[in-house]
PDB file of N, CA and C in Angstrom:
ATOM      1  N   MET A   1      91.564  95.633  88.120  1.00  0.00           N
ATOM      2  CA  MET A   1      92.756  95.953  88.727  1.00  0.00           C
ATOM      3  C   MET A   1      93.640  94.690  87.998  1.00  0.00           C
ATOM      4  N   LYS A   2      94.963  95.137  87.363  1.00  0.00           N
ATOM      5  CA  LYS A   2      95.816  94.332  86.853  1.00  0.00           C
ATOM      6  C   LYS A   2      96.794  93.478  88.149  1.00  0.00           C
ATOM      7  N   LYS A   3      96.931  92.581  87.478  1.00  0.00           N
ATOM      8  CA  LYS A   3      97.844  91.935  88.357  1.00  0.00           C
ATOM      9  C   LYS A   3      99.248  91.664  88.185  1.00  0.00           C
ATOM     10  N   LYS A   4     100.184  91.805  89.053  1.00  0.00           N
ATOM     11  CA  LYS A   4     101.533  91.874  88.722  1.00  0.00           C
ATOM     12  C   LYS A   4     102.415  90.896  89.906  1.00  0.00           C
ATOM     13  N   LEU A   5     103.357  90.054  89.145  1.00  0.00           N
ATOM     14  CA  LEU A   5     103.929  89.312  90.129  1.00  0.00           C
ATOM     15  C   LEU A   5     105.174  90.030  90.659  1.00  0.00           C
ATOM     16  N   ILE A   6     105.091  89.620  91.725  1.00  0.00           N
ATOM     17  CA  ILE A   6     106.255  90.184  93.269  1.00  0.00           C
ATOM     18  C   ILE A   6     107.039  89.218  93.700  1.00  0.00           C
ATOM     19  N   GLY A   7     108.543  89.505  94.024  1.00  0.00           N
ATOM     20  CA  GLY A   7     109.328  88.560  94.905  1.00  0.00           C
ATOM     21  C   GLY A   7     109.638  89.304  95.992  1.00  0.00           C
ATOM     22  N   LEU A   8     109.902  88.891  96.981  1.00  0.00           N
ATOM     23  CA  LEU A   8     109.969  89.500  98.317  1.00  0.00           C
ATOM     24  C   LEU A   8     110.602  88.173  99.254  1.00  0.00           C
ATOM     25  N   THR A   9     111.777  88.452  99.676  1.00  0.00           N
ATOM     26  CA  THR A   9     112.701  87.741 100.700  1.00  0.00           C
ATOM     27  C   THR A   9     112.031  87.863 102.155  1.00  0.00           C
ATOM     28  N   PHE A  10     111.419  86.866 102.635  1.00  0.00           N
ATOM     29  CA  PHE A  10     111.041  87.030 104.075  1.00  0.00           C
ATOM     30  C   PHE A  10     112.005  85.720 104.633  1.00  0.00           C
ATOM     31  N   LYS A  11     112.231  85.704 106.035  1.00  0.00           N
ATOM     32  CA  LYS A  11     113.392  84.729 106.713  1.00  0.00           C
ATOM     33  C   LYS A  11     113.850  84.402 105.491  1.00  0.00           C
ATOM     34  N   GLY A  12     114.672  84.405 104.283  1.00  0.00           N
ATOM     35  CA  GLY A  12     115.980  84.178 104.508  1.00  0.00           C
ATOM     36  C   GLY A  12     115.728  83.703 102.846  1.00  0.00           C
ATOM     37  N   LYS A  13     114.008  83.350 102.624  1.00  0.00           N
ATOM     38  CA  LYS A  13     113.621  82.730 101.703  1.00  0.00           C
ATOM     39  C   LYS A  13     112.685  83.568 100.387  1.00  0.00           C
ATOM     40  N   LYS A  14     112.970  83.713  99.502  1.00  0.00           N
ATOM     41  CA  LYS A  14     112.180  84.213  98.266  1.00  0.00           C
ATOM     42  C   LYS A  14     111.076  83.590  98.242  1.00  0.00           C
ATOM     43  N   ARG A  15     109.783  84.588  97.915  1.00  0.00           N
ATOM     44  CA  ARG A  15     108.449  84.131  97.776  1.00  0.00           C
ATOM     45  C   ARG A  15     108.379  85.068  96.632  1.00  0.00           C
ATOM     46  N   ASN A  16     107.465  84.369  95.450  1.00  0.00           N
ATOM     47  CA  ASN A  16     106.837  85.029  94.835  1.00  0.00           C
ATOM     48  C   ASN A  16     105.387  84.818  94.913  1.00  0.00           C
ATOM     49  N   PHE A  17     104.584  85.877  94.902  1.00  0.00           N
ATOM     50  CA  PHE A  17     103.069  85.993  95.124  1.00  0.00           C
ATOM     51  C   PHE A  17     102.377  87.187  93.972  1.00  0.00           C
ATOM     52  N   GLU A  18     101.201  86.766  93.839  1.00  0.00           N
ATOM     53  CA  GLU A  18     100.774  87.800  92.925  1.00  0.00           C
ATOM     54  C   GLU A  18      99.976  89.085  94.030  1.00  0.00           C
ATOM     55  N   VAL A  19     100.176  90.041  93.282  1.00  0.00           N
ATOM     56  CA  VAL A  19      99.202  91.350  93.787  1.00  0.00           C
ATOM     57  C   VAL A  19      98.495  91.962  92.782  1.00  0.00           C
ATOM     58  N   PHE A  20      97.699  92.665  93.370  1.00  0.00           N
ATOM     59  CA  PHE A  20      96.579  93.622  92.309  1.00  0.00           C
ATOM     60  C   PHE A  20      96.879  94.849  92.420  1.00  0.00           C
ATOM     61  N   LYS A  21      97.501  95.261  91.377  1.00  0.00           N
ATOM     62  CA  LYS A  21      98.020  97.030  91.327  1.00  0.00           C
ATOM     63  C   LYS A  21      96.553  98.115  91.490  1.00  0.00           C
ATOM     64  N   VAL A  22      96.660  98.500  92.588  1.00  0.00           N
ATOM     65  CA  VAL A  22      95.451  99.408  92.959  1.00  0.00           C
ATOM     66  C   VAL A  22      95.665 100.789  92.061  1.00  0.00           C
ATOM     67  N   PRO A  23      94.427 101.000  91.151  1.00  0.00           N
ATOM     68  CA  PRO A  23      94.110 102.367  90.133  1.00  0.00           C
ATOM     69  C   PRO A  23      94.256 103.711  91.283  1.00  0.00           C
ATOM     70  N   PHE A  24      95.113 104.773  90.819  1.00  0.00           N
ATOM     71  CA  PHE A  24      94.908 106.129  91.340  1.00  0.00           C
ATOM     72  C   PHE A  24      93.195 106.492  92.293  1.00  0.00           C
ATOM     73  N   TRP A  25      92.573 106.260  91.625  1.00  0.00           N
ATOM     74  CA  TRP A  25      90.836 106.391  92.225  1.00  0.00           C
ATOM     75  C   TRP A  25      90.550 105.711  93.064  1.00  0.00           C
ATOM     76  N   LYS A  26      91.247 104.188  93.554  1.00  0.00           N
ATOM     77  CA  LYS A  26      90.862 103.369  94.460  1.00  0.00           C
ATOM     78  C   LYS A  26      91.894 103.501  95.459  1.00  0.00           C
ATOM     79  N   GLU A  27      92.796 104.169  95.571  1.00  0.00           N
ATOM     80  CA  GLU A  27      94.194 104.520  96.185  1.00  0.00           C
ATOM     81  C   GLU A  27      93.540 104.487  97.798  1.00  0.00           C
ATOM     82  N   GLY A  28      92.727 105.485  98.259  1.00  0.00           N
ATOM     83  CA  GLY A  28      91.751 105.912  99.557  1.00  0.00           C
ATOM     84  C   GLY A  28      91.514 104.395 100.320  1.00  0.00           C
ATOM     85  N   ILE A  29      90.912 103.405  99.400  1.00  0.00           N
ATOM     86  CA  ILE A  29      89.957 102.418 100.196  1.00  0.00           C
ATOM     87  C   ILE A  29      90.636 101.180 100.853  1.00  0.00           C
ATOM     88  N   GLY A  30      91.742 100.753  99.676  1.00  0.00           N
ATOM     89  CA  GLY A  30      92.570  99.476  99.888  1.00  0.00           C
ATOM     90  C   GLY A  30      91.751  98.151 100.473  1.00  0.00           C
ATOM     91  N   LEU A  31      92.347  97.605 101.727  1.00  0.00           N
ATOM     92  CA  LEU A  31      91.439  96.463 102.427  1.00  0.00           C
ATOM     93  C   LEU A  31      90.276  96.940 102.964  1.00  0.00           C
ATOM     94  N   MET A  32      89.815  97.807 103.219  1.00  0.00           N
ATOM     95  CA  MET A  32      88.563  98.753 103.574  1.00  0.00           C
ATOM     96  C   MET A  32      87.518  97.653 103.135  1.00  0.00           C
ATOM     97  N   PHE A  33      86.532  97.256 103.769  1.00  0.00           N
ATOM     98  CA  PHE A  33      85.348  96.423 103.774  1.00  0.00           C
ATOM     99  C   PHE A  33      85.564  95.712 102.938  1.00  0.00           C
ATOM    100  N   GLN A  34      86.341  94.939 102.605  1.00  0.00           N
ATOM    101  CA  GLN A  34      87.019  93.295 102.158  1.00  0.00           C
ATOM    102  C   GLN A  34      86.416  92.197 103.319  1.00  0.00           C
ATOM    103  N   ARG A  35      86.176  90.834 102.969  1.00  0.00           N
ATOM    104  CA  ARG A  35      85.803  89.617 103.432  1.00  0.00           C
ATOM    105  C   ARG A  35      87.206  89.461 103.901  1.00  0.00           C
ATOM    106  N   ARG A  36      87.809  88.699 104.676  1.00  0.00           N
ATOM    107  CA  ARG A  36      88.973  88.196 105.050  1.00  0.00           C
ATOM    108  C   ARG A  36      89.249  87.471 103.997  1.00  0.00           C
ATOM    109  N   GLU A  37      88.698  86.082 103.787  1.00  0.00           N
ATOM    110  CA  GLU A  37      89.094  85.067 102.989  1.00  0.00           C
ATOM    111  C   GLU A  37      88.999  85.564 101.762  1.00  0.00           C
ATOM    112  N   LYS A  38      88.291  86.498 101.186  1.00  0.00           N
ATOM    113  CA  LYS A  38      88.497  87.230  99.131  1.00  0.00           C
ATOM    114  C   LYS A  38      89.402  88.110  99.519  1.00  0.00           C
ATOM    115  N   ALA A  39      90.091  88.845 100.625  1.00  0.00           N
ATOM    116  CA  ALA A  39      90.733  89.906 100.223  1.00  0.00           C
ATOM    117  C   ALA A  39      92.216  89.647  99.506  1.00  0.00           C
ATOM    118  N   ARG A  40      92.935  90.227  98.319  1.00  0.00           N
ATOM    119  CA  ARG A  40      93.633  90.087  98.122  1.00  0.00           C
ATOM    120  C   ARG A  40      95.295  91.039  98.444  1.00  0.00           C
ATOM    121  N   ALA A  41      96.020  90.893  97.876  1.00  0.00           N
ATOM    122  CA  ALA A  41      97.207  91.416  98.252  1.00  0.00           C
ATOM    123  C   ALA A  41      97.231  92.089  97.367  1.00  0.00           C
ATOM    124  N   LEU A  42      97.662  93.428  97.713  1.00  0.00           N
ATOM    125  CA  LEU A  42      97.112  95.118  96.851  1.00  0.00           C
ATOM    126  C   LEU A  42      98.382  95.866  96.898  1.00  0.00           C
ATOM    127  N   LEU A  43      99.125  96.113  96.011  1.00  0.00           N
ATOM    128  CA  LEU A  43     100.121  97.050  95.160  1.00  0.00           C
ATOM    129  C   LEU A  43      99.686  98.575  95.234  1.00  0.00           C
ATOM    130  N   PHE A  44     100.181  99.388  95.823  1.00  0.00           N
ATOM    131  CA  PHE A  44     100.062 100.887  96.090  1.00  0.00           C
ATOM    132  C   PHE A  44     101.413 101.611  95.239  1.00  0.00           C
ATOM    133  N   GLU A  45     101.614 102.044  93.830  1.00  0.00           N
ATOM    134  CA  GLU A  45     102.812 102.440  93.136  1.00  0.00           C
ATOM    135  C   GLU A  45     102.416 103.987  93.311  1.00  0.00           C
ATOM    136  N   PHE A  46     103.384 105.046  93.636  1.00  0.00           N
ATOM    137  CA  PHE A  46     103.795 106.329  93.319  1.00  0.00           C
ATOM    138  C   PHE A  46     104.570 106.834  92.687  1.00  0.00           C
ATOM    139  N   LYS A  47     104.073 107.792  91.799  1.00  0.00           N
ATOM    140  CA  LYS A  47     105.527 108.456  91.434  1.00  0.00           C
ATOM    141  C   LYS A  47     106.507 108.822  91.640  1.00  0.00           C
ATOM    142  N   LYS A  48     106.584 109.309  92.616  1.00  0.00           N
ATOM    143  CA  LYS A  48     107.951 109.716  93.413  1.00  0.00           C
ATOM    144  C   LYS A  48     107.466 109.278  95.063  1.00  0.00           C
ATOM    145  N   PRO A  49     108.627 109.689  95.535  1.00  0.00           N
ATOM    146  CA  PRO A  49     108.813 109.126  96.997  1.00  0.00           C
ATOM    147  C   PRO A  49     107.806 109.584  97.961  1.00  0.00           C
ATOM    148  N   VAL A  50     106.798 108.977  98.332  1.00  0.00           N
ATOM    149  CA  VAL A  50     105.931 109.861  99.432  1.00  0.00           C
ATOM    150  C   VAL A  50     105.982 109.800 100.923  1.00  0.00           C
ATOM    151  N   SER A  51     105.280 109.881 102.061  1.00  0.00           N
ATOM    152  CA  SER A  51     105.818 109.600 103.371  1.00  0.00           C
ATOM    153  C   SER A  51     103.942 110.491 103.829  1.00  0.00           C
ATOM    154  N   PHE A  52     103.458 108.942 104.149  1.00  0.00           N
ATOM    155  CA  PHE A  52     101.918 109.506 104.613  1.00  0.00           C
ATOM    156  C   PHE A  52     101.564 108.417 105.735  1.00  0.00           C
ATOM    157  N   LYS A  53     100.812 108.086 106.476  1.00  0.00           N
ATOM    158  CA  LYS A  53     100.447 107.319 107.276  1.00  0.00           C
ATOM    159  C   LYS A  53      99.102 106.180 106.863  1.00  0.00           C
ATOM    160  N   ILE A  54      99.218 105.191 106.838  1.00  0.00           N
ATOM    161  CA  ILE A  54      97.922 104.242 106.621  1.00  0.00           C
ATOM    162  C   ILE A  54      97.130 104.145 107.595  1.00  0.00           C
ATOM    163  N   HIS A  55      95.955 103.694 107.805  1.00  0.00           N
ATOM    164  CA  HIS A  55      95.195 103.707 108.696  1.00  0.00           C
ATOM    165  C   HIS A  55      94.122 101.932 108.585  1.00  0.00           C
ATOM    166  N   SER A  56      93.911 101.314 109.531  1.00  0.00           N
ATOM    167  CA  SER A  56      93.156  99.829 109.586  1.00  0.00           C
ATOM    168  C   SER A  56      91.762 100.325 109.710  1.00  0.00           C
ATOM    169  N   PHE A  57      91.001 101.183 109.820  1.00  0.00           N
ATOM    170  CA  PHE A  57      89.719 101.562 110.392  1.00  0.00           C
ATOM    171  C   PHE A  57      88.659 101.099 108.964  1.00  0.00           C
ATOM    172  N   PHE A  58      87.859 100.071 109.434  1.00  0.00           N
ATOM    173  CA  PHE A  58      86.898  99.443 108.671  1.00  0.00           C
ATOM    174  C   PHE A  58      87.813  98.336 108.044  1.00  0.00           C
ATOM    175  N   VAL A  59      88.932  97.444 108.251  1.00  0.00           N
ATOM    176  CA  VAL A  59      89.578  96.484 107.919  1.00  0.00           C
ATOM    177  C   VAL A  59      89.503  95.748 109.560  1.00  0.00           C
ATOM    178  N   PHE A  60      88.266  94.777 108.848  1.00  0.00           N
ATOM    179  CA  PHE A  60      87.878  93.703 110.119  1.00  0.00           C
ATOM    180  C   PHE A  60      88.981  92.443 110.461  1.00  0.00           C
ATOM    181  N   PHE A  61      90.404  92.343 109.876  1.00  0.00           N
ATOM    182  CA  PHE A  61      91.386  91.120 109.898  1.00  0.00           C
ATOM    183  C   PHE A  61      92.613  91.750 110.113  1.00  0.00           C
ATOM    184  N   PRO A  62      93.577  91.098 110.358  1.00  0.00           N
ATOM    185  CA  PRO A  62      94.761  91.805 110.188  1.00  0.00           C
ATOM    186  C   PRO A  62      95.375  91.738 109.149  1.00  0.00           C
ATOM    187  N   PHE A  63      96.520  92.298 108.615  1.00  0.00           N
ATOM    188  CA  PHE A  63      97.144  92.456 107.516  1.00  0.00           C
ATOM    189  C   PHE A  63      98.451  93.024 107.776  1.00  0.00           C
ATOM    190  N   PHE A  64      99.620  92.420 106.725  1.00  0.00           N
ATOM    191  CA  PHE A  64     100.816  92.693 106.556  1.00  0.00           C
ATOM    192  C   PHE A  64     101.250  93.984 105.667  1.00  0.00           C
ATOM    193  N   ALA A  65     101.880  94.924 106.070  1.00  0.00           N
ATOM    194  CA  ALA A  65     101.947  96.119 105.319  1.00  0.00           C
ATOM    195  C   ALA A  65     103.371  95.980 105.023  1.00  0.00           C
ATOM    196  N   ILE A  66     103.922  96.377 103.864  1.00  0.00           N
ATOM    197  CA  ILE A  66     105.452  96.384 103.281  1.00  0.00           C
ATOM    198  C   ILE A  66     105.488  97.490 102.689  1.00  0.00           C
ATOM    199  N   TRP A  67     106.522  98.381 103.072  1.00  0.00           N
ATOM    200  CA  TRP A  67     107.285  99.651 102.175  1.00  0.00           C
ATOM    201  C   TRP A  67     108.220  99.586 101.536  1.00  0.00           C
ATOM    202  N   LEU A  68     108.290 100.068 100.195  1.00  0.00           N
ATOM    203  CA  LEU A  68     109.640  99.949  99.428  1.00  0.00           C
ATOM    204  C   LEU A  68     110.059 100.722  99.132  1.00  0.00           C
ATOM    205  N   ASN A  69     111.467 101.179  98.966  1.00  0.00           N
ATOM    206  CA  ASN A  69     111.553 102.207  98.356  1.00  0.00           C
ATOM    207  C   ASN A  69     112.383 102.412  96.441  1.00  0.00           C
ATOM    208  N   SER A  70     112.459 103.537  96.112  1.00  0.00           N
ATOM    209  CA  SER A  70     112.961 103.373  94.835  1.00  0.00           C
ATOM    210  C   SER A  70     113.542 102.383  93.894  1.00  0.00           C
ATOM    211  N   GLU A  71     114.213 101.381  94.975  1.00  0.00           N
ATOM    212  CA  GLU A  71     115.163 100.645  94.386  1.00  0.00           C
ATOM    213  C   GLU A  71     114.493  99.034  94.943  1.00  0.00           C
ATOM    214  N   ASN A  72     113.406  99.113  95.130  1.00  0.00           N
ATOM    215  CA  ASN A  72     112.673  97.974  95.528  1.00  0.00           C
ATOM    216  C   ASN A  72     112.866  97.116  96.864  1.00  0.00           C
ATOM    217  N   LYS A  73     113.600  98.028  97.773  1.00  0.00           N
ATOM    218  CA  LYS A  73     114.308  97.427  98.730  1.00  0.00           C
ATOM    219  C   LYS A  73     112.981  97.692  99.771  1.00  0.00           C
ATOM    220  N   ILE A  74     113.065  96.687 100.969  1.00  0.00           N
ATOM    221  CA  ILE A  74     111.825  96.859 101.750  1.00  0.00           C
ATOM    222  C   ILE A  74     113.055  98.203 103.320  1.00  0.00           C
ATOM    223  N   ILE A  75     112.019  99.026 103.239  1.00  0.00           N
ATOM    224  CA  ILE A  75     112.507 100.100 104.260  1.00  0.00           C
ATOM    225  C   ILE A  75     111.187 100.183 105.594  1.00  0.00           C
ATOM    226  N   GLY A  76     110.443  99.101 105.547  1.00  0.00           N
ATOM    227  CA  GLY A  76     109.890  99.193 106.644  1.00  0.00           C
ATOM    228  C   GLY A  76     108.360  97.949 106.480  1.00  0.00           C
ATOM    229  N   SER A  77     108.274  97.181 107.609  1.00  0.00           N
ATOM    230  CA  SER A  77     107.013  96.438 107.665  1.00  0.00           C
ATOM    231  C   SER A  77     106.446  96.826 109.053  1.00  0.00           C
ATOM    232  N   GLU A  78     105.444  96.094 109.082  1.00  0.00           N
ATOM    233  CA  GLU A  78     104.588  95.716 110.213  1.00  0.00           C
ATOM    234  C   GLU A  78     103.209  94.998 109.966  1.00  0.00           C
ATOM    235  N   LEU A  79     103.075  94.326 110.977  1.00  0.00           N
ATOM    236  CA  LEU A  79     101.554  93.349 110.901  1.00  0.00           C
ATOM    237  C   LEU A  79     100.836  94.547 111.436  1.00  0.00           C
ATOM    238  N   VAL A  80      99.903  94.798 110.649  1.00  0.00           N
ATOM    239  CA  VAL A  80      98.511  95.453 111.464  1.00  0.00           C
ATOM    240  C   VAL A  80      97.395  95.170 111.444  1.00  0.00           C
ATOM    241  N   LYS A  81      96.997  95.678 112.934  1.00  0.00           N
ATOM    242  CA  LYS A  81      95.883  94.725 113.499  1.00  0.00           C
ATOM    243  C   LYS A  81      94.587  96.009 113.115  1.00  0.00           C
ATOM    244  N   PRO A  82      93.144  94.984 113.262  1.00  0.00           N
ATOM    245  CA  PRO A  82      92.370  96.251 112.553  1.00  0.00           C
ATOM    246  C   PRO A  82      92.168  97.539 113.492  1.00  0.00           C
ATOM    247  N   PHE A  83      91.447  98.506 112.930  1.00  0.00           N
ATOM    248  CA  PHE A  83      91.201  99.814 113.557  1.00  0.00           C
ATOM    249  C   PHE A  83      92.407 100.405 114.334  1.00  0.00           C
ATOM    250  N   LYS A  84      93.770 100.712 113.522  1.00  0.00           N
ATOM    251  CA  LYS A  84      94.530 101.133 113.999  1.00  0.00           C
ATOM    252  C   LYS A  84      95.126 102.511 113.285  1.00  0.00           C
ATOM    253  N   PHE A  85      95.650 103.459 113.827  1.00  0.00           N
ATOM    254  CA  PHE A  85      95.942 104.761 113.154  1.00  0.00           C
ATOM    255  C   PHE A  85      97.211 104.907 113.191  1.00  0.00           C
ATOM    256  N   GLY A  86      97.585 105.655 112.040  1.00  0.00           N
ATOM    257  CA  GLY A  86      99.390 106.199 112.141  1.00  0.00           C
ATOM    258  C   GLY A  86     100.206 105.047 111.652  1.00  0.00           C
ATOM    259  N   ILE A  87     100.140 104.440 110.926  1.00  0.00           N
ATOM    260  CA  ILE A  87     100.919 103.419 110.716  1.00  0.00           C
ATOM    261  C   ILE A  87     101.986 104.055 109.410  1.00  0.00           C
ATOM    262  N   SER A  88     103.491 103.898 109.448  1.00  0.00           N
ATOM    263  CA  SER A  88     104.011 104.497 108.793  1.00  0.00           C
ATOM    264  C   SER A  88     105.213 103.987 108.956  1.00  0.00           C
ATOM    265  N   PRO A  89     106.583 104.066 107.743  1.00  0.00           N
ATOM    266  CA  PRO A  89     107.641 103.601 107.842  1.00  0.00           C
ATOM    267  C   PRO A  89     108.558 105.111 108.134  1.00  0.00           C
ATOM    268  N   SER A  90     109.728 104.655 108.479  1.00  0.00           N
ATOM    269  CA  SER A  90     110.685 105.984 109.093  1.00  0.00           C
ATOM    270  C   SER A  90     111.281 106.807 107.897  1.00  0.00           C
ATOM    271  N   GLU A  91     111.003 106.359 106.683  1.00  0.00           N
ATOM    272  CA  GLU A  91     111.565 106.776 105.169  1.00  0.00           C
ATOM    273  C   GLU A  91     110.208 106.926 104.360  1.00  0.00           C
ATOM    274  N   LYS A  92     110.834 108.140 103.433  1.00  0.00           N
ATOM    275  CA  LYS A  92     109.631 108.133 102.134  1.00  0.00           C
ATOM    276  C   LYS A  92     109.956 106.802 101.234  1.00  0.00           C
ATOM    277  N   PHE A  93     108.424 106.677 100.721  1.00  0.00           N
ATOM    278  CA  PHE A  93     108.278 105.206 100.007  1.00  0.00           C
ATOM    279  C   PHE A  93     107.626 105.893  98.785  1.00  0.00           C
ATOM    280  N   VAL A  94     108.081 104.737  97.528  1.00  0.00           N
ATOM    281  CA  VAL A  94     107.242 104.832  96.460  1.00  0.00           C
ATOM    282  C   VAL A  94     106.646 103.714  96.230  1.00  0.00           C
ATOM    283  N   LYS A  95     106.561 102.682  96.903  1.00  0.00           N
ATOM    284  CA  LYS A  95     105.781 101.265  96.963  1.00  0.00           C
ATOM    285  C   LYS A  95     104.906 100.848  98.104  1.00  0.00           C
ATOM    286  N   LEU A  96     103.884 100.360  98.094  1.00  0.00           N
ATOM    287  CA  LEU A  96     103.021  99.947  99.655  1.00  0.00           C
ATOM    288  C   LEU A  96     102.492  98.686  99.155  1.00  0.00           C
ATOM    289  N   ILE A  97     102.918  97.664  99.870  1.00  0.00           N
ATOM    290  CA  ILE A  97     102.270  96.351  99.781  1.00  0.00           C
ATOM    291  C   ILE A  97     101.246  95.972 100.957  1.00  0.00           C
ATOM    292  N   GLU A  98      99.939  95.811 100.649  1.00  0.00           N
ATOM    293  CA  GLU A  98      99.578  95.088 102.032  1.00  0.00           C
ATOM    294  C   GLU A  98      98.630  93.862 101.363  1.00  0.00           C
ATOM    295  N   ILE A  99      98.799  93.280 102.412  1.00  0.00           N
ATOM    296  CA  ILE A  99      98.691  91.196 102.623  1.00  0.00           C
ATOM    297  C   ILE A  99      97.813  91.102 103.622  1.00  0.00           C
ATOM    298  N   PRO A 100      96.636  90.633 103.083  1.00  0.00           N
ATOM    299  CA  PRO A 100      95.987  90.432 104.180  1.00  0.00           C
ATOM    300  C   PRO A 100      96.524  88.949 104.665  1.00  0.00           C
ATOM    301  N   ILE A 101      96.200  88.994 106.015  1.00  0.00           N
ATOM    302  CA  ILE A 101      96.339  87.427 106.768  1.00  0.00           C
ATOM    303  C   ILE A 101      95.268  86.573 106.085  1.00  0.00           C
ATOM    304  N   ASN A 102      95.191  85.423 105.341  1.00  0.00           N
ATOM    305  CA  ASN A 102      94.346  85.095 105.210  1.00  0.00           C
ATOM    306  C   ASN A 102      94.858  83.369 104.702  1.00  0.00           C
ATOM    307  N   LYS A 103      94.464  82.714 104.522  1.00  0.00           N
ATOM    308  CA  LYS A 103      94.556  81.228 103.908  1.00  0.00           C
ATOM    309  C   LYS A 103      95.342  80.978 102.221  1.00  0.00           C
ATOM    310  N   THR A 104      95.040  82.112 101.546  1.00  0.00           N
ATOM    311  CA  THR A 104      95.584  82.200  99.980  1.00  0.00           C
ATOM    312  C   THR A 104      97.122  82.852 100.575  1.00  0.00           C
ATOM    313  N   TYR A 105      97.681  83.292 101.770  1.00  0.00           N
ATOM    314  CA  TYR A 105      98.741  84.132 101.983  1.00  0.00           C
ATOM    315  C   TYR A 105      99.748  83.612 103.427  1.00  0.00           C
ATOM    316  N   ASN A 106      99.197  82.463 103.472  1.00  0.00           N
ATOM    317  CA  ASN A 106      99.455  81.894 104.497  1.00  0.00           C
ATOM    318  C   ASN A 106     101.241  80.840 104.356  1.00  0.00           C
ATOM    319  N   PHE A 107     101.228  81.026 103.178  1.00  0.00           N
ATOM    320  CA  PHE A 107     102.038  80.435 102.804  1.00  0.00           C
ATOM    321  C   PHE A 107     103.872  81.455 103.083  1.00  0.00           C
ATOM    322  N   LEU A 108     103.432  82.773 103.651  1.00  0.00           N
ATOM    323  CA  LEU A 108     104.767  83.673 103.569  1.00  0.00           C
ATOM    324  C   LEU A 108     104.575  83.392 105.107  1.00  0.00           C
ATOM    325  N   GLU A 109     104.192  82.950 105.857  1.00  0.00           N
ATOM    326  CA  GLU A 109     104.863  82.741 107.104  1.00  0.00           C
ATOM    327  C   GLU A 109     104.894  84.128 107.857  1.00  0.00           C
ATOM    328  N   PHE A 110     104.211  84.727 108.001  1.00  0.00           N
ATOM    329  CA  PHE A 110     104.056  86.140 108.659  1.00  0.00           C
ATOM    330  C   PHE A 110     104.313  85.727 110.426  1.00  0.00           C
ATOM    331  N   PRO A 111     104.859  87.231 110.318  1.00  0.00           N
ATOM    332  CA  PRO A 111     105.232  86.964 111.972  1.00  0.00           C
ATOM    333  C   PRO A 111     103.488  87.157 113.030  1.00  0.00           C
ATOM    334  N   SER A 112     103.678  86.006 114.091  1.00  0.00           N
ATOM    335  CA  SER A 112     102.613  86.041 114.496  1.00  0.00           C
ATOM    336  C   SER A 112     101.917  87.022 115.423  1.00  0.00           C
ATOM    337  N   ILE A 113     100.723  87.143 115.165  1.00  0.00           N
ATOM    338  CA  ILE A 113      99.906  88.298 115.932  1.00  0.00           C
ATOM    339  C   ILE A 113      99.850  88.372 117.198  1.00  0.00           C
TER     340      ILE A 113
END
């Protein structure tokens, strides 16, 4: 997976961090079956706006999902707990970032669980 630097604004502060672009053939797996402390932030990029639901089956730790539109504006975000189904934003999106809640990404100051 290729590394990519992403800059997002959380609580009025711009945060830069690395994400790993998920290849097409691995899009259905995401954070499933990964260990919490070894999990890395994942970036899913789609060629055109899409609308589908994600789930957290077989993800044994919480993660933060961020959906972006074609202008890289955040159109939705949610703290996703393990084994949840049917999570999606209200609009179509072209990018999805899944950020595991672990020591690597605690500087982002996620909302509490």
